[in-house]
Amino acid sequence: MSPTVKWVLGALVGLPLMCCGCGGLWFRSQFPHSEALARVVNHRQVVQTLGEPVSGGFFFSGKTRSRGDDAVAEMEIPLSGNKQDGVLQVRAVQTSKVWGFSRLRVVAQDGKVINVLAGY
């Protein structure tokens, strides 16, 4: 394979990975992601179900939509504990630059669903 082809293939594969990685790190530091994990990792029912310690996975899926000062963010963040794994489902709404949650629940591998918002 010629050096030019390797360069082009590297750019085609590396550039999207680099952009998604940097974008993911930026999004991870924003309110919905960090606050959602902060509420879940010490939630009594989540810790009992998944096992201590509960931690969020590095990769997650999500999407955002925004218009002016308003936005909606939806994401699924993998969780792990020493008993079982789960998924944190988040729906956050931003109105006038203030974020709040309309969905914050954990679905464990065994099918148990924990509504984290019920305690807030």
PDB file of N, CA and C in Angstrom:
ATOM      1  N   MET A   1       0.860  -1.172   0.000  1.00  0.00           N
ATOM      2  CA  MET A   1       0.000   0.000   0.000  1.00  0.00           C
ATOM      3  C   MET A   1       0.908   1.237   0.000  1.00  0.00           C
ATOM      4  N   SER A   2       0.582   2.180  -0.836  1.00  0.00           N
ATOM      5  CA  SER A   2       1.414   3.374  -0.961  1.00  0.00           C
ATOM      6  C   SER A   2       1.230   4.285   0.252  1.00  0.00           C
ATOM      7  N   PRO A   3       2.204   5.125   0.532  1.00  0.00           N
ATOM      8  CA  PRO A   3       2.095   6.053   1.665  1.00  0.00           C
ATOM      9  C   PRO A   3       0.906   7.004   1.531  1.00  0.00           C
ATOM     10  N   THR A   4       0.571   7.395   0.310  1.00  0.00           N
ATOM     11  CA  THR A   4      -0.565   8.296   0.100  1.00  0.00           C
ATOM     12  C   THR A   4      -1.871   7.622   0.496  1.00  0.00           C
ATOM     13  N   VAL A   5      -2.034   6.369   0.095  1.00  0.00           N
ATOM     14  CA  VAL A   5      -3.257   5.632   0.435  1.00  0.00           C
ATOM     15  C   VAL A   5      -3.357   5.452   1.947  1.00  0.00           C
ATOM     16  N   LYS A   6      -2.244   5.137   2.596  1.00  0.00           N
ATOM     17  CA  LYS A   6      -2.249   4.986   4.053  1.00  0.00           C
ATOM     18  C   LYS A   6      -2.637   6.299   4.726  1.00  0.00           C
ATOM     19  N   TRP A   7      -2.120   7.407   4.201  1.00  0.00           N
ATOM     20  CA  TRP A   7      -2.409   8.724   4.747  1.00  0.00           C
ATOM     21  C   TRP A   7      -3.891   9.033   4.626  1.00  0.00           C
ATOM     22  N   VAL A   8      -4.451   8.768   3.447  1.00  0.00           N
ATOM     23  CA  VAL A   8      -5.877   9.048   3.199  1.00  0.00           C
ATOM     24  C   VAL A   8      -6.739   8.168   4.087  1.00  0.00           C
ATOM     25  N   LEU A   9      -6.413   6.876   4.160  1.00  0.00           N
ATOM     26  CA  LEU A   9      -7.192   5.975   5.018  1.00  0.00           C
ATOM     27  C   LEU A   9      -7.092   6.390   6.488  1.00  0.00           C
ATOM     28  N   GLY A  10      -5.898   6.780   6.906  1.00  0.00           N
ATOM     29  CA  GLY A  10      -5.719   7.239   8.282  1.00  0.00           C
ATOM     30  C   GLY A  10      -6.563   8.466   8.581  1.00  0.00           C
ATOM     31  N   ALA A  11      -6.609   9.396   7.617  1.00  0.00           N
ATOM     32  CA  ALA A  11      -7.412  10.607   7.805  1.00  0.00           C
ATOM     33  C   ALA A  11      -8.899  10.288   7.820  1.00  0.00           C
ATOM     34  N   LEU A  12      -9.333   9.373   6.934  1.00  0.00           N
ATOM     35  CA  LEU A  12     -10.756   9.016   6.875  1.00  0.00           C
ATOM     36  C   LEU A  12     -11.223   8.321   8.143  1.00  0.00           C
ATOM     37  N   VAL A  13     -10.358   7.530   8.746  1.00  0.00           N
ATOM     38  CA  VAL A  13     -10.720   6.823   9.969  1.00  0.00           C
ATOM     39  C   VAL A  13     -10.417   7.678  11.202  1.00  0.00           C
ATOM     40  N   GLY A  14      -9.263   8.315  11.228  1.00  0.00           N
ATOM     41  CA  GLY A  14      -8.819   9.033  12.415  1.00  0.00           C
ATOM     42  C   GLY A  14      -9.558  10.321  12.690  1.00  0.00           C
ATOM     43  N   LEU A  15      -9.873  11.083  11.652  1.00  0.00           N
ATOM     44  CA  LEU A  15     -10.531  12.373  11.858  1.00  0.00           C
ATOM     45  C   LEU A  15     -11.899  12.230  12.527  1.00  0.00           C
ATOM     46  N   PRO A  16     -12.785  11.337  12.031  1.00  0.00           N
ATOM     47  CA  PRO A  16     -14.075  11.184  12.735  1.00  0.00           C
ATOM     48  C   PRO A  16     -13.907  10.690  14.175  1.00  0.00           C
ATOM     49  N   LEU A  17     -12.969   9.760  14.386  1.00  0.00           N
ATOM     50  CA  LEU A  17     -12.741   9.278  15.753  1.00  0.00           C
ATOM     51  C   LEU A  17     -12.253  10.387  16.661  1.00  0.00           C
ATOM     52  N   MET A  18     -11.364  11.212  16.139  1.00  0.00           N
ATOM     53  CA  MET A  18     -10.844  12.316  16.934  1.00  0.00           C
ATOM     54  C   MET A  18     -11.945  13.333  17.246  1.00  0.00           C
ATOM     55  N   CYS A  19     -12.763  13.645  16.259  1.00  0.00           N
ATOM     56  CA  CYS A  19     -13.846  14.607  16.472  1.00  0.00           C
ATOM     57  C   CYS A  19     -14.874  14.065  17.453  1.00  0.00           C
ATOM     58  N   CYS A  20     -15.262  12.806  17.291  1.00  0.00           N
ATOM     59  CA  CYS A  20     -16.246  12.213  18.209  1.00  0.00           C
ATOM     60  C   CYS A  20     -15.675  12.103  19.608  1.00  0.00           C
ATOM     61  N   GLY A  21     -14.406  11.747  19.707  1.00  0.00           N
ATOM     62  CA  GLY A  21     -13.781  11.645  21.022  1.00  0.00           C
ATOM     63  C   GLY A  21     -13.734  12.982  21.725  1.00  0.00           C
ATOM     64  N   CYS A  22     -13.323  14.019  21.027  1.00  0.00           N
ATOM     65  CA  CYS A  22     -13.260  15.354  21.636  1.00  0.00           C
ATOM     66  C   CYS A  22     -14.658  15.866  21.957  1.00  0.00           C
ATOM     67  N   GLY A  23     -15.595  15.627  21.046  1.00  0.00           N
ATOM     68  CA  GLY A  23     -16.976  16.038  21.299  1.00  0.00           C
ATOM     69  C   GLY A  23     -17.567  15.289  22.472  1.00  0.00           C
ATOM     70  N   GLY A  24     -17.249  13.998  22.573  1.00  0.00           N
ATOM     71  CA  GLY A  24     -17.737  13.203  23.689  1.00  0.00           C
ATOM     72  C   GLY A  24     -17.172  13.684  25.017  1.00  0.00           C
ATOM     73  N   LEU A  25     -15.891  14.053  25.020  1.00  0.00           N
ATOM     74  CA  LEU A  25     -15.291  14.570  26.256  1.00  0.00           C
ATOM     75  C   LEU A  25     -15.918  15.896  26.655  1.00  0.00           C
ATOM     76  N   TRP A  26     -16.198  16.750  25.660  1.00  0.00           N
ATOM     77  CA  TRP A  26     -16.856  18.023  25.964  1.00  0.00           C
ATOM     78  C   TRP A  26     -18.249  17.774  26.511  1.00  0.00           C
ATOM     79  N   PHE A  27     -19.027  16.905  25.843  1.00  0.00           N
ATOM     80  CA  PHE A  27     -20.397  16.654  26.266  1.00  0.00           C
ATOM     81  C   PHE A  27     -20.423  16.006  27.646  1.00  0.00           C
ATOM     82  N   ARG A  28     -19.459  15.145  27.921  1.00  0.00           N
ATOM     83  CA  ARG A  28     -19.389  14.453  29.205  1.00  0.00           C
ATOM     84  C   ARG A  28     -19.226  15.455  30.346  1.00  0.00           C
ATOM     85  N   SER A  29     -18.559  16.580  30.079  1.00  0.00           N
ATOM     86  CA  SER A  29     -18.328  17.562  31.134  1.00  0.00           C
ATOM     87  C   SER A  29     -19.518  18.505  31.326  1.00  0.00           C
ATOM     88  N   GLN A  30     -20.498  18.426  30.476  1.00  0.00           N
ATOM     89  CA  GLN A  30     -21.644  19.321  30.568  1.00  0.00           C
ATOM     90  C   GLN A  30     -22.627  18.816  31.625  1.00  0.00           C
ATOM     91  N   PHE A  31     -23.557  19.665  32.030  1.00  0.00           N
ATOM     92  CA  PHE A  31     -24.466  19.378  33.136  1.00  0.00           C
ATOM     93  C   PHE A  31     -25.213  18.051  33.023  1.00  0.00           C
ATOM     94  N   PRO A  32     -25.922  17.774  31.932  1.00  0.00           N
ATOM     95  CA  PRO A  32     -26.762  16.571  31.957  1.00  0.00           C
ATOM     96  C   PRO A  32     -25.973  15.297  32.243  1.00  0.00           C
ATOM     97  N   HIS A  33     -24.835  15.113  31.611  1.00  0.00           N
ATOM     98  CA  HIS A  33     -24.062  13.887  31.791  1.00  0.00           C
ATOM     99  C   HIS A  33     -23.477  13.803  33.198  1.00  0.00           C
ATOM    100  N   SER A  34     -22.775  14.825  33.613  1.00  0.00           N
ATOM    101  CA  SER A  34     -22.099  14.781  34.917  1.00  0.00           C
ATOM    102  C   SER A  34     -23.087  14.758  36.078  1.00  0.00           C
ATOM    103  N   GLU A  35     -24.152  15.535  36.000  1.00  0.00           N
ATOM    104  CA  GLU A  35     -25.143  15.566  37.077  1.00  0.00           C
ATOM    105  C   GLU A  35     -25.914  14.255  37.159  1.00  0.00           C
ATOM    106  N   ALA A  36     -26.242  13.669  36.011  1.00  0.00           N
ATOM    107  CA  ALA A  36     -26.960  12.385  36.003  1.00  0.00           C
ATOM    108  C   ALA A  36     -26.128  11.307  36.696  1.00  0.00           C
ATOM    109  N   LEU A  37     -24.860  11.222  36.350  1.00  0.00           N
ATOM    110  CA  LEU A  37     -23.999  10.227  36.998  1.00  0.00           C
ATOM    111  C   LEU A  37     -23.828  10.514  38.486  1.00  0.00           C
ATOM    112  N   ALA A  38     -23.693  11.773  38.837  1.00  0.00           N
ATOM    113  CA  ALA A  38     -23.537  12.126  40.258  1.00  0.00           C
ATOM    114  C   ALA A  38     -24.755  11.686  41.069  1.00  0.00           C
ATOM    115  N   ARG A  39     -25.936  11.807  40.499  1.00  0.00           N
ATOM    116  CA  ARG A  39     -27.148  11.415  41.228  1.00  0.00           C
ATOM    117  C   ARG A  39     -27.282   9.907  41.336  1.00  0.00           C
ATOM    118  N   VAL A  40     -26.746   9.179  40.369  1.00  0.00           N
ATOM    119  CA  VAL A  40     -26.962   7.738  40.313  1.00  0.00           C
ATOM    120  C   VAL A  40     -25.947   6.943  41.132  1.00  0.00           C
ATOM    121  N   VAL A  41     -24.673   7.324  41.098  1.00  0.00           N
ATOM    122  CA  VAL A  41     -23.647   6.473  41.706  1.00  0.00           C
ATOM    123  C   VAL A  41     -23.805   6.313  43.218  1.00  0.00           C
ATOM    124  N   ASN A  42     -24.511   7.223  43.877  1.00  0.00           N
ATOM    125  CA  ASN A  42     -24.732   7.089  45.321  1.00  0.00           C
ATOM    126  C   ASN A  42     -26.198   6.853  45.680  1.00  0.00           C
ATOM    127  N   HIS A  43     -27.038   6.636  44.676  1.00  0.00           N
ATOM    128  CA  HIS A  43     -28.460   6.383  44.927  1.00  0.00           C
ATOM    129  C   HIS A  43     -28.607   5.019  45.597  1.00  0.00           C
ATOM    130  N   ARG A  44     -29.294   4.978  46.731  1.00  0.00           N
ATOM    131  CA  ARG A  44     -29.396   3.757  47.542  1.00  0.00           C
ATOM    132  C   ARG A  44     -29.886   2.547  46.750  1.00  0.00           C
ATOM    133  N   GLN A  45     -30.986   2.690  46.021  1.00  0.00           N
ATOM    134  CA  GLN A  45     -31.540   1.547  45.276  1.00  0.00           C
ATOM    135  C   GLN A  45     -30.623   1.100  44.144  1.00  0.00           C
ATOM    136  N   VAL A  46     -29.982   2.049  43.493  1.00  0.00           N
ATOM    137  CA  VAL A  46     -29.069   1.706  42.402  1.00  0.00           C
ATOM    138  C   VAL A  46     -27.882   0.921  42.946  1.00  0.00           C
ATOM    139  N   VAL A  47     -27.324   1.394  44.056  1.00  0.00           N
ATOM    140  CA  VAL A  47     -26.179   0.713  44.663  1.00  0.00           C
ATOM    141  C   VAL A  47     -26.575  -0.681  45.133  1.00  0.00           C
ATOM    142  N   GLN A  48     -27.755  -0.829  45.729  1.00  0.00           N
ATOM    143  CA  GLN A  48     -28.219  -2.150  46.174  1.00  0.00           C
ATOM    144  C   GLN A  48     -28.412  -3.095  45.000  1.00  0.00           C
ATOM    145  N   THR A  49     -28.907  -2.587  43.878  1.00  0.00           N
ATOM    146  CA  THR A  49     -29.212  -3.432  42.729  1.00  0.00           C
ATOM    147  C   THR A  49     -27.960  -3.787  41.930  1.00  0.00           C
ATOM    148  N   LEU A  50     -27.125  -2.796  41.637  1.00  0.00           N
ATOM    149  CA  LEU A  50     -25.945  -3.042  40.796  1.00  0.00           C
ATOM    150  C   LEU A  50     -24.734  -3.491  41.602  1.00  0.00           C
ATOM    151  N   GLY A  51     -24.671  -3.107  42.858  1.00  0.00           N
ATOM    152  CA  GLY A  51     -23.521  -3.433  43.696  1.00  0.00           C
ATOM    153  C   GLY A  51     -22.532  -2.288  43.731  1.00  0.00           C
ATOM    154  N   GLU A  52     -21.889  -2.150  44.877  1.00  0.00           N
ATOM    155  CA  GLU A  52     -20.959  -1.037  45.079  1.00  0.00           C
ATOM    156  C   GLU A  52     -19.557  -1.435  44.632  1.00  0.00           C
ATOM    157  N   PRO A  53     -18.809  -0.574  44.003  1.00  0.00           N
ATOM    158  CA  PRO A  53     -19.146   0.789  43.581  1.00  0.00           C
ATOM    159  C   PRO A  53     -19.852   0.789  42.226  1.00  0.00           C
ATOM    160  N   VAL A  54     -20.685   1.781  42.016  1.00  0.00           N
ATOM    161  CA  VAL A  54     -21.350   1.972  40.726  1.00  0.00           C
ATOM    162  C   VAL A  54     -20.542   2.998  39.939  1.00  0.00           C
ATOM    163  N   SER A  55     -20.258   2.675  38.694  1.00  0.00           N
ATOM    164  CA  SER A  55     -19.498   3.618  37.862  1.00  0.00           C
ATOM    165  C   SER A  55     -20.099   3.678  36.466  1.00  0.00           C
ATOM    166  N   GLY A  56     -19.927   4.835  35.841  1.00  0.00           N
ATOM    167  CA  GLY A  56     -20.418   5.045  34.486  1.00  0.00           C
ATOM    168  C   GLY A  56     -19.353   4.682  33.474  1.00  0.00           C
ATOM    169  N   GLY A  57     -19.780   4.111  32.343  1.00  0.00           N
ATOM    170  CA  GLY A  57     -18.853   3.741  31.286  1.00  0.00           C
ATOM    171  C   GLY A  57     -18.317   4.971  30.568  1.00  0.00           C
ATOM    172  N   PHE A  58     -17.169   4.805  29.910  1.00  0.00           N
ATOM    173  CA  PHE A  58     -16.542   5.925  29.206  1.00  0.00           C
ATOM    174  C   PHE A  58     -17.350   6.312  27.973  1.00  0.00           C
ATOM    175  N   PHE A  59     -17.804   5.320  27.215  1.00  0.00           N
ATOM    176  CA  PHE A  59     -18.575   5.588  26.000  1.00  0.00           C
ATOM    177  C   PHE A  59     -20.065   5.593  26.327  1.00  0.00           C
ATOM    178  N   PHE A  60     -20.807   6.437  25.649  1.00  0.00           N
ATOM    179  CA  PHE A  60     -22.250   6.489  25.823  1.00  0.00           C
ATOM    180  C   PHE A  60     -22.871   6.952  24.522  1.00  0.00           C
ATOM    181  N   SER A  61     -24.167   6.720  24.382  1.00  0.00           N
ATOM    182  CA  SER A  61     -24.860   7.190  23.181  1.00  0.00           C
ATOM    183  C   SER A  61     -25.799   8.311  23.580  1.00  0.00           C
ATOM    184  N   GLY A  62     -26.020   9.225  22.663  1.00  0.00           N
ATOM    185  CA  GLY A  62     -26.911  10.328  22.982  1.00  0.00           C
ATOM    186  C   GLY A  62     -27.095  11.267  21.817  1.00  0.00           C
ATOM    187  N   LYS A  63     -28.017  12.173  22.005  1.00  0.00           N
ATOM    188  CA  LYS A  63     -28.273  13.198  20.999  1.00  0.00           C
ATOM    189  C   LYS A  63     -28.804  14.437  21.691  1.00  0.00           C
ATOM    190  N   THR A  64     -28.600  15.568  21.055  1.00  0.00           N
ATOM    191  CA  THR A  64     -29.124  16.822  21.591  1.00  0.00           C
ATOM    192  C   THR A  64     -29.820  17.585  20.471  1.00  0.00           C
ATOM    193  N   ARG A  65     -30.799  18.355  20.870  1.00  0.00           N
ATOM    194  CA  ARG A  65     -31.485  19.271  19.957  1.00  0.00           C
ATOM    195  C   ARG A  65     -31.575  20.602  20.685  1.00  0.00           C
ATOM    196  N   SER A  66     -31.286  21.663  19.972  1.00  0.00           N
ATOM    197  CA  SER A  66     -31.355  22.968  20.628  1.00  0.00           C
ATOM    198  C   SER A  66     -31.938  24.017  19.701  1.00  0.00           C
ATOM    199  N   ARG A  67     -32.518  25.004  20.340  1.00  0.00           N
ATOM    200  CA  ARG A  67     -33.058  26.174  19.643  1.00  0.00           C
ATOM    201  C   ARG A  67     -32.933  27.347  20.604  1.00  0.00           C
ATOM    202  N   GLY A  68     -32.047  28.269  20.280  1.00  0.00           N
ATOM    203  CA  GLY A  68     -31.836  29.411  21.164  1.00  0.00           C
ATOM    204  C   GLY A  68     -31.282  28.972  22.506  1.00  0.00           C
ATOM    205  N   ASP A  69     -31.937  29.390  23.574  1.00  0.00           N
ATOM    206  CA  ASP A  69     -31.504  29.037  24.930  1.00  0.00           C
ATOM    207  C   ASP A  69     -32.123  27.733  25.427  1.00  0.00           C
ATOM    208  N   ASP A  70     -32.921  27.073  24.593  1.00  0.00           N
ATOM    209  CA  ASP A  70     -33.597  25.844  24.986  1.00  0.00           C
ATOM    210  C   ASP A  70     -32.955  24.640  24.290  1.00  0.00           C
ATOM    211  N   ALA A  71     -32.942  23.502  24.984  1.00  0.00           N
ATOM    212  CA  ALA A  71     -32.345  22.299  24.414  1.00  0.00           C
ATOM    213  C   ALA A  71     -32.943  21.065  25.079  1.00  0.00           C
ATOM    214  N   VAL A  72     -32.786  19.935  24.400  1.00  0.00           N
ATOM    215  CA  VAL A  72     -33.165  18.632  24.941  1.00  0.00           C
ATOM    216  C   VAL A  72     -31.993  17.692  24.694  1.00  0.00           C
ATOM    217  N   ALA A  73     -31.581  16.967  25.705  1.00  0.00           N
ATOM    218  CA  ALA A  73     -30.504  15.990  25.591  1.00  0.00           C
ATOM    219  C   ALA A  73     -31.044  14.637  26.032  1.00  0.00           C
ATOM    220  N   GLU A  74     -30.824  13.630  25.216  1.00  0.00           N
ATOM    221  CA  GLU A  74     -31.201  12.261  25.557  1.00  0.00           C
ATOM    222  C   GLU A  74     -29.955  11.398  25.454  1.00  0.00           C
ATOM    223  N   MET A  75     -29.714  10.578  26.460  1.00  0.00           N
ATOM    224  CA  MET A  75     -28.542   9.711  26.425  1.00  0.00           C
ATOM    225  C   MET A  75     -28.767   8.421  27.188  1.00  0.00           C
ATOM    226  N   GLU A  76     -27.971   7.445  26.828  1.00  0.00           N
ATOM    227  CA  GLU A  76     -27.913   6.182  27.543  1.00  0.00           C
ATOM    228  C   GLU A  76     -26.464   5.958  27.940  1.00  0.00           C
ATOM    229  N   ILE A  77     -26.259   5.830  29.233  1.00  0.00           N
ATOM    230  CA  ILE A  77     -24.911   5.704  29.780  1.00  0.00           C
ATOM    231  C   ILE A  77     -24.793   4.323  30.422  1.00  0.00           C
ATOM    232  N   PRO A  78     -23.852   3.498  29.974  1.00  0.00           N
ATOM    233  CA  PRO A  78     -23.680   2.190  30.609  1.00  0.00           C
ATOM    234  C   PRO A  78     -23.163   2.340  32.033  1.00  0.00           C
ATOM    235  N   LEU A  79     -23.691   1.512  32.916  1.00  0.00           N
ATOM    236  CA  LEU A  79     -23.272   1.504  34.315  1.00  0.00           C
ATOM    237  C   LEU A  79     -22.756   0.123  34.672  1.00  0.00           C
ATOM    238  N   SER A  80     -21.854   0.079  35.627  1.00  0.00           N
ATOM    239  CA  SER A  80     -21.397  -1.222  36.110  1.00  0.00           C
ATOM    240  C   SER A  80     -21.275  -1.185  37.623  1.00  0.00           C
ATOM    241  N   GLY A  81     -21.578  -2.315  38.210  1.00  0.00           N
ATOM    242  CA  GLY A  81     -21.435  -2.512  39.648  1.00  0.00           C
ATOM    243  C   GLY A  81     -20.842  -3.884  39.864  1.00  0.00           C
ATOM    244  N   ASN A  82     -20.587  -4.262  41.118  1.00  0.00           N
ATOM    245  CA  ASN A  82     -19.968  -5.573  41.340  1.00  0.00           C
ATOM    246  C   ASN A  82     -20.973  -6.728  41.287  1.00  0.00           C
ATOM    247  N   LYS A  83     -22.283  -6.442  41.234  1.00  0.00           N
ATOM    248  CA  LYS A  83     -23.298  -7.494  41.107  1.00  0.00           C
ATOM    249  C   LYS A  83     -23.766  -7.664  39.673  1.00  0.00           C
ATOM    250  N   GLN A  84     -24.019  -6.537  38.987  1.00  0.00           N
ATOM    251  CA  GLN A  84     -24.513  -6.585  37.615  1.00  0.00           C
ATOM    252  C   GLN A  84     -24.335  -5.221  36.958  1.00  0.00           C
ATOM    253  N   ASP A  85     -24.562  -5.202  35.662  1.00  0.00           N
ATOM    254  CA  ASP A  85     -24.473  -3.962  34.897  1.00  0.00           C
ATOM    255  C   ASP A  85     -25.865  -3.404  34.661  1.00  0.00           C
ATOM    256  N   GLY A  86     -25.914  -2.192  34.152  1.00  0.00           N
ATOM    257  CA  GLY A  86     -27.183  -1.556  33.842  1.00  0.00           C
ATOM    258  C   GLY A  86     -26.971  -0.412  32.872  1.00  0.00           C
ATOM    259  N   VAL A  87     -28.058   0.268  32.563  1.00  0.00           N
ATOM    260  CA  VAL A  87     -28.007   1.415  31.669  1.00  0.00           C
ATOM    261  C   VAL A  87     -28.767   2.562  32.323  1.00  0.00           C
ATOM    262  N   LEU A  88     -28.141   3.729  32.335  1.00  0.00           N
ATOM    263  CA  LEU A  88     -28.782   4.941  32.824  1.00  0.00           C
ATOM    264  C   LEU A  88     -29.419   5.646  31.640  1.00  0.00           C
ATOM    265  N   GLN A  89     -30.737   5.815  31.683  1.00  0.00           N
ATOM    266  CA  GLN A  89     -31.471   6.508  30.632  1.00  0.00           C
ATOM    267  C   GLN A  89     -31.776   7.915  31.114  1.00  0.00           C
ATOM    268  N   VAL A  90     -31.344   8.892  30.317  1.00  0.00           N
ATOM    269  CA  VAL A  90     -31.442  10.294  30.717  1.00  0.00           C
ATOM    270  C   VAL A  90     -32.192  11.082  29.654  1.00  0.00           C
ATOM    271  N   ARG A  91     -33.086  11.933  30.113  1.00  0.00           N
ATOM    272  CA  ARG A  91     -33.691  12.952  29.244  1.00  0.00           C
ATOM    273  C   ARG A  91     -33.630  14.246  30.042  1.00  0.00           C
ATOM    274  N   ALA A  92     -32.845  15.184  29.531  1.00  0.00           N
ATOM    275  CA  ALA A  92     -32.664  16.465  30.204  1.00  0.00           C
ATOM    276  C   ALA A  92     -33.196  17.568  29.304  1.00  0.00           C
ATOM    277  N   VAL A  93     -33.821  18.548  29.920  1.00  0.00           N
ATOM    278  CA  VAL A  93     -34.408  19.668  29.181  1.00  0.00           C
ATOM    279  C   VAL A  93     -33.801  20.958  29.708  1.00  0.00           C
ATOM    280  N   GLN A  94     -33.378  21.817  28.783  1.00  0.00           N
ATOM    281  CA  GLN A  94     -32.829  23.118  29.146  1.00  0.00           C
ATOM    282  C   GLN A  94     -33.806  24.199  28.703  1.00  0.00           C
ATOM    283  N   THR A  95     -34.224  25.028  29.645  1.00  0.00           N
ATOM    284  CA  THR A  95     -35.105  26.150  29.353  1.00  0.00           C
ATOM    285  C   THR A  95     -34.442  27.408  29.893  1.00  0.00           C
ATOM    286  N   SER A  96     -34.268  28.394  29.039  1.00  0.00           N
ATOM    287  CA  SER A  96     -33.600  29.643  29.423  1.00  0.00           C
ATOM    288  C   SER A  96     -32.251  29.373  30.091  1.00  0.00           C
ATOM    289  N   LYS A  97     -31.489  28.462  29.522  1.00  0.00           N
ATOM    290  CA  LYS A  97     -30.138  28.103  29.970  1.00  0.00           C
ATOM    291  C   LYS A  97     -30.089  27.367  31.304  1.00  0.00           C
ATOM    292  N   VAL A  98     -31.228  26.872  31.803  1.00  0.00           N
ATOM    293  CA  VAL A  98     -31.276  26.103  33.051  1.00  0.00           C
ATOM    294  C   VAL A  98     -31.678  24.675  32.710  1.00  0.00           C
ATOM    295  N   TRP A  99     -30.825  23.696  33.120  1.00  0.00           N
ATOM    296  CA  TRP A  99     -31.083  22.287  32.842  1.00  0.00           C
ATOM    297  C   TRP A  99     -31.906  21.651  33.958  1.00  0.00           C
ATOM    298  N   GLY A 100     -32.760  20.707  33.573  1.00  0.00           N
ATOM    299  CA  GLY A 100     -33.511  19.890  34.517  1.00  0.00           C
ATOM    300  C   GLY A 100     -33.754  18.525  33.887  1.00  0.00           C
ATOM    301  N   PHE A 101     -34.093  17.543  34.690  1.00  0.00           N
ATOM    302  CA  PHE A 101     -34.319  16.188  34.183  1.00  0.00           C
ATOM    303  C   PHE A 101     -35.801  15.892  34.077  1.00  0.00           C
ATOM    304  N   SER A 102     -36.201  15.276  32.978  1.00  0.00           N
ATOM    305  CA  SER A 102     -37.564  14.765  32.878  1.00  0.00           C
ATOM    306  C   SER A 102     -37.546  13.230  32.929  1.00  0.00           C
ATOM    307  N   ARG A 103     -36.384  12.618  32.705  1.00  0.00           N
ATOM    308  CA  ARG A 103     -36.230  11.170  32.883  1.00  0.00           C
ATOM    309  C   ARG A 103     -34.823  10.907  33.403  1.00  0.00           C
ATOM    310  N   LEU A 104     -34.763  10.099  34.437  1.00  0.00           N
ATOM    311  CA  LEU A 104     -33.489   9.675  35.008  1.00  0.00           C
ATOM    312  C   LEU A 104     -33.764   8.321  35.647  1.00  0.00           C
ATOM    313  N   ARG A 105     -33.521   7.278  34.879  1.00  0.00           N
ATOM    314  CA  ARG A 105     -33.820   5.936  35.397  1.00  0.00           C
ATOM    315  C   ARG A 105     -32.736   4.949  35.002  1.00  0.00           C
ATOM    316  N   VAL A 106     -32.600   3.936  35.837  1.00  0.00           N
ATOM    317  CA  VAL A 106     -31.613   2.893  35.617  1.00  0.00           C
ATOM    318  C   VAL A 106     -32.361   1.605  35.303  1.00  0.00           C
ATOM    319  N   VAL A 107     -31.928   0.943  34.236  1.00  0.00           N
ATOM    320  CA  VAL A 107     -32.469  -0.363  33.877  1.00  0.00           C
ATOM    321  C   VAL A 107     -31.336  -1.363  34.080  1.00  0.00           C
ATOM    322  N   ALA A 108     -31.514  -2.239  35.073  1.00  0.00           N
ATOM    323  CA  ALA A 108     -30.495  -3.235  35.394  1.00  0.00           C
ATOM    324  C   ALA A 108     -30.577  -4.402  34.419  1.00  0.00           C
ATOM    325  N   GLN A 109     -29.509  -5.200  34.361  1.00  0.00           N
ATOM    326  CA  GLN A 109     -29.479  -6.375  33.471  1.00  0.00           C
ATOM    327  C   GLN A 109     -30.608  -7.344  33.771  1.00  0.00           C
ATOM    328  N   ASP A 110     -30.994  -7.447  35.034  1.00  0.00           N
ATOM    329  CA  ASP A 110     -32.059  -8.382  35.394  1.00  0.00           C
ATOM    330  C   ASP A 110     -33.455  -7.836  35.075  1.00  0.00           C
ATOM    331  N   GLY A 111     -33.526  -6.626  34.503  1.00  0.00           N
ATOM    332  CA  GLY A 111     -34.804  -6.037  34.109  1.00  0.00           C
ATOM    333  C   GLY A 111     -35.392  -5.081  35.109  1.00  0.00           C
ATOM    334  N   LYS A 112     -34.820  -4.988  36.285  1.00  0.00           N
ATOM    335  CA  LYS A 112     -35.340  -4.069  37.292  1.00  0.00           C
ATOM    336  C   LYS A 112     -35.150  -2.626  36.836  1.00  0.00           C
ATOM    337  N   VAL A 113     -36.186  -1.812  37.000  1.00  0.00           N
ATOM    338  CA  VAL A 113     -36.142  -0.399  36.613  1.00  0.00           C
ATOM    339  C   VAL A 113     -36.208   0.455  37.880  1.00  0.00           C
ATOM    340  N   ILE A 114     -35.260   1.391  37.996  1.00  0.00           N
ATOM    341  CA  ILE A 114     -35.212   2.283  39.172  1.00  0.00           C
ATOM    342  C   ILE A 114     -35.387   3.711  38.675  1.00  0.00           C
ATOM    343  N   ASN A 115     -36.447   4.358  39.144  1.00  0.00           N
ATOM    344  CA  ASN A 115     -36.716   5.755  38.803  1.00  0.00           C
ATOM    345  C   ASN A 115     -35.944   6.621  39.795  1.00  0.00           C
ATOM    346  N   VAL A 116     -34.819   7.162  39.351  1.00  0.00           N
ATOM    347  CA  VAL A 116     -33.956   7.950  40.236  1.00  0.00           C
ATOM    348  C   VAL A 116     -34.611   9.289  40.581  1.00  0.00           C
ATOM    349  N   LEU A 117     -35.433   9.808  39.703  1.00  0.00           N
ATOM    350  CA  LEU A 117     -36.088  11.106  39.965  1.00  0.00           C
ATOM    351  C   LEU A 117     -37.080  11.037  41.111  1.00  0.00           C
ATOM    352  N   ALA A 118     -37.567   9.858  41.430  1.00  0.00           N
ATOM    353  CA  ALA A 118     -38.579   9.730  42.495  1.00  0.00           C
ATOM    354  C   ALA A 118     -38.057  10.232  43.837  1.00  0.00           C
ATOM    355  N   GLY A 119     -36.722  10.183  44.027  1.00  0.00           N
ATOM    356  CA  GLY A 119     -36.154  10.630  45.287  1.00  0.00           C
ATOM    357  C   GLY A 119     -35.780  12.099  45.305  1.00  0.00           C
ATOM    358  N   TYR A 120     -36.037  12.816  44.216  1.00  0.00           N
ATOM    359  CA  TYR A 120     -35.655  14.228  44.155  1.00  0.00           C
ATOM    360  C   TYR A 120     -36.855  15.114  44.015  1.00  0.00           C
TER     361      TYR A 120
END
